[in-house]
Structures are given as C-alpha cells and as structure tokens.
C-alpha atoms as a PDB file:
ATOM      1  CA  MET A   1       0.151  -0.081   0.068  1.00  0.00           C
ATOM      2  CA  THR A   2       2.364   2.708  -1.014  1.00  0.00           C
ATOM      3  CA  ASP A   3      -0.242   4.945  -3.164  1.00  0.00           C
ATOM      4  CA  GLN A   4      -2.191   7.138  -1.498  1.00  0.00           C
ATOM      5  CA  PRO A   5      -5.507   6.665  -1.672  1.00  0.00           C
ATOM      6  CA  ALA A   6      -8.141   8.449  -2.857  1.00  0.00           C
ATOM      7  CA  LYS A   7     -10.723  10.378  -0.221  1.00  0.00           C
ATOM      8  CA  VAL A   8     -13.288   7.904   0.177  1.00  0.00           C
ATOM      9  CA  ALA A   9     -15.981  10.889   0.078  1.00  0.00           C
ATOM     10  CA  SER A  10     -14.884  11.929  -3.533  1.00  0.00           C
ATOM     11  CA  LEU A  11     -15.602   8.761  -4.638  1.00  0.00           C
ATOM     12  CA  ASN A  12     -18.259   7.938  -6.836  1.00  0.00           C
ATOM     13  CA  PHE A  13     -19.926   4.789  -6.297  1.00  0.00           C
ATOM     14  CA  GLU A  14     -18.730   2.514  -9.253  1.00  0.00           C
ATOM     15  CA  THR A  15     -15.402   3.788  -8.365  1.00  0.00           C
ATOM     16  CA  ALA A  16     -15.063   3.007  -4.674  1.00  0.00           C
ATOM     17  CA  LEU A  17     -17.052  -0.501  -5.327  1.00  0.00           C
ATOM     18  CA  ALA A  18     -13.975  -1.084  -7.758  1.00  0.00           C
ATOM     19  CA  GLU A  19     -11.574  -0.746  -4.916  1.00  0.00           C
ATOM     20  CA  LEU A  20     -13.720  -2.147  -2.567  1.00  0.00           C
ATOM     21  CA  GLU A  21     -14.180  -5.277  -4.587  1.00  0.00           C
ATOM     22  CA  LYS A  22     -10.380  -5.198  -5.243  1.00  0.00           C
ATOM     23  CA  ILE A  23      -9.373  -5.028  -1.389  1.00  0.00           C
ATOM     24  CA  VAL A  24     -11.594  -8.103  -0.751  1.00  0.00           C
ATOM     25  CA  ASP A  25     -10.327 -10.338  -2.995  1.00  0.00           C
ATOM     26  CA  GLN A  26      -6.957  -9.326  -1.854  1.00  0.00           C
ATOM     27  CA  LEU A  27      -7.741 -10.293   1.774  1.00  0.00           C
ATOM     28  CA  GLU A  28      -9.415 -13.265   0.572  1.00  0.00           C
ATOM     29  CA  LYS A  29      -6.415 -14.389  -1.009  1.00  0.00           C
ATOM     30  CA  GLY A  30      -3.873 -13.258   2.021  1.00  0.00           C
ATOM     31  CA  GLN A  31      -1.484 -11.503  -0.553  1.00  0.00           C
ATOM     32  CA  ALA A  32      -1.030  -8.761   1.918  1.00  0.00           C
ATOM     33  CA  PRO A  33       0.879  -8.906   4.964  1.00  0.00           C
ATOM     34  CA  LEU A  34      -0.538  -8.288   8.264  1.00  0.00           C
ATOM     35  CA  GLU A  35      -0.208  -4.871   9.060  1.00  0.00           C
ATOM     36  CA  ASP A  36      -1.054  -3.956   5.169  1.00  0.00           C
ATOM     37  CA  SER A  37      -4.087  -6.577   6.048  1.00  0.00           C
ATOM     38  CA  ILE A  38      -5.622  -4.284   8.753  1.00  0.00           C
ATOM     39  CA  LYS A  39      -5.117  -1.216   6.981  1.00  0.00           C
ATOM     40  CA  LEU A  40      -6.934  -2.517   3.662  1.00  0.00           C
ATOM     41  CA  TYR A  41      -9.620  -4.212   5.956  1.00  0.00           C
ATOM     42  CA  ALA A  42     -10.153  -0.524   7.697  1.00  0.00           C
ATOM     43  CA  ARG A  43     -10.266   1.675   4.175  1.00  0.00           C
ATOM     44  CA  GLY A  44     -13.043  -1.638   3.067  1.00  0.00           C
ATOM     45  CA  GLU A  45     -14.963  -0.558   5.702  1.00  0.00           C
ATOM     46  CA  GLU A  46     -14.971   2.766   5.071  1.00  0.00           C
ATOM     47  CA  LEU A  47     -15.936   2.071   1.795  1.00  0.00           C
ATOM     48  CA  LYS A  48     -18.587   0.131   2.179  1.00  0.00           C
ATOM     49  CA  LYS A  49     -19.867   2.590   4.526  1.00  0.00           C
ATOM     50  CA  HIS A  50     -19.860   5.308   1.666  1.00  0.00           C
ATOM     51  CA  CYS A  51     -21.343   2.973  -1.402  1.00  0.00           C
ATOM     52  CA  ASP A  52     -24.003   2.006   1.073  1.00  0.00           C
ATOM     53  CA  ALA A  53     -24.954   5.818   2.088  1.00  0.00           C
ATOM     54  CA  LEU A  54     -24.691   6.906  -1.752  1.00  0.00           C
ATOM     55  CA  LEU A  55     -27.081   4.096  -2.429  1.00  0.00           C
ATOM     56  CA  LYS A  56     -29.441   5.255   0.268  1.00  0.00           C
ATOM     57  CA  SER A  57     -29.074   8.428  -0.900  1.00  0.00           C
ATOM     58  CA  ALA A  58     -29.924   7.068  -4.948  1.00  0.00           C
ATOM     59  CA  GLU A  59     -32.877   4.927  -3.340  1.00  0.00           C
ATOM     60  CA  ALA A  60     -34.140   8.266  -1.794  1.00  0.00           C
ATOM     61  CA  ARG A  61     -34.524  10.440  -5.219  1.00  0.00           C
ATOM     62  CA  ILE A  62     -36.033   7.447  -6.765  1.00  0.00           C
ATOM     63  CA  GLU A  63     -39.842   7.949  -7.412  1.00  0.00           C
ATOM     64  CA  LYS A  64     -42.881   5.914  -9.026  1.00  0.00           C
ATOM     65  CA  ILE A  65     -45.182   6.265 -11.540  1.00  0.00           C
ATOM     66  CA  THR A  66     -48.827   6.352  -9.879  1.00  0.00           C
ATOM     67  CA  LEU A  67     -51.247   5.580 -12.851  1.00  0.00           C
ATOM     68  CA  GLY A  68     -54.649   6.641 -13.200  1.00  0.00           C
ATOM     69  CA  ALA A  69     -57.894   4.609 -12.754  1.00  0.00           C
ATOM     70  CA  ASP A  70     -57.493   4.976 -16.894  1.00  0.00           C
ATOM     71  CA  GLY A  71     -54.420   2.923 -16.770  1.00  0.00           C
ATOM     72  CA  LYS A  72     -52.334   6.218 -17.890  1.00  0.00           C
ATOM     73  CA  ALA A  73     -49.941   8.018 -15.418  1.00  0.00           C
ATOM     74  CA  LYS A  74     -50.939  10.535 -13.234  1.00  0.00           C
ATOM     75  CA  GLY A  75     -48.130  11.761 -11.532  1.00  0.00           C
ATOM     76  CA  VAL A  76     -44.683  10.807  -9.257  1.00  0.00           C
ATOM     77  CA  GLU A  77     -44.373   9.435  -5.379  1.00  0.00           C
ATOM     78  CA  PRO A  78     -41.946   8.605  -3.285  1.00  0.00           C
ATOM     79  CA  LEU A  79     -40.438   5.271  -3.766  1.00  0.00           C
ATOM     80  CA  ASP A  80     -41.719   3.013  -0.104  1.00  0.00           C
ATOM     81  CA  VAL A  81     -38.550   0.858   0.618  1.00  0.00           C
ATOM     82  CA  GLY A  82     -38.581   0.608   4.130  1.00  0.00           C
END
C-alpha cells in the first residue's frame, strides 16, 4: 500500500465499489502482510459505508409513477423502500 488512496468521500459509487472488490479479493487471497491487511480492512470498511450511503441517497431520489383509473400516468410519488 504505497500509493496514497483517494479520499473515500470523493469517489463515485462505481469507483468505490471497484476498489472495495479489489480489497476483498486481496484479503481473501491473503496477498498482503498483516499490517497492510489491517489497513486494507479499514479502507474497505470506509468504502462499504460510503457505498451504502450513496445507495440510500439514490433510493431516496427514486420515484415511482402512479397510474390513474384510466391506466395513464397521473404523477409520481416517493418510492417506499422501507
């Protein structure tokens, strides 16, 4: 881990997820010394939290189309994901 990693908060979802997947792969294969594994795990936790927050934000913005009695779209309302 000689490269200075990008700030997690500045990463978009796709970049953060790709980095998280790479970290998981490295940890599963045991490719890093213990000290680096601890740093990778901590970075992975940050990335996971960031990805979760981005997904929750996206879910909050999703709206579903409501249909009128005639079957035509009459408007939108927030998506109930809970």
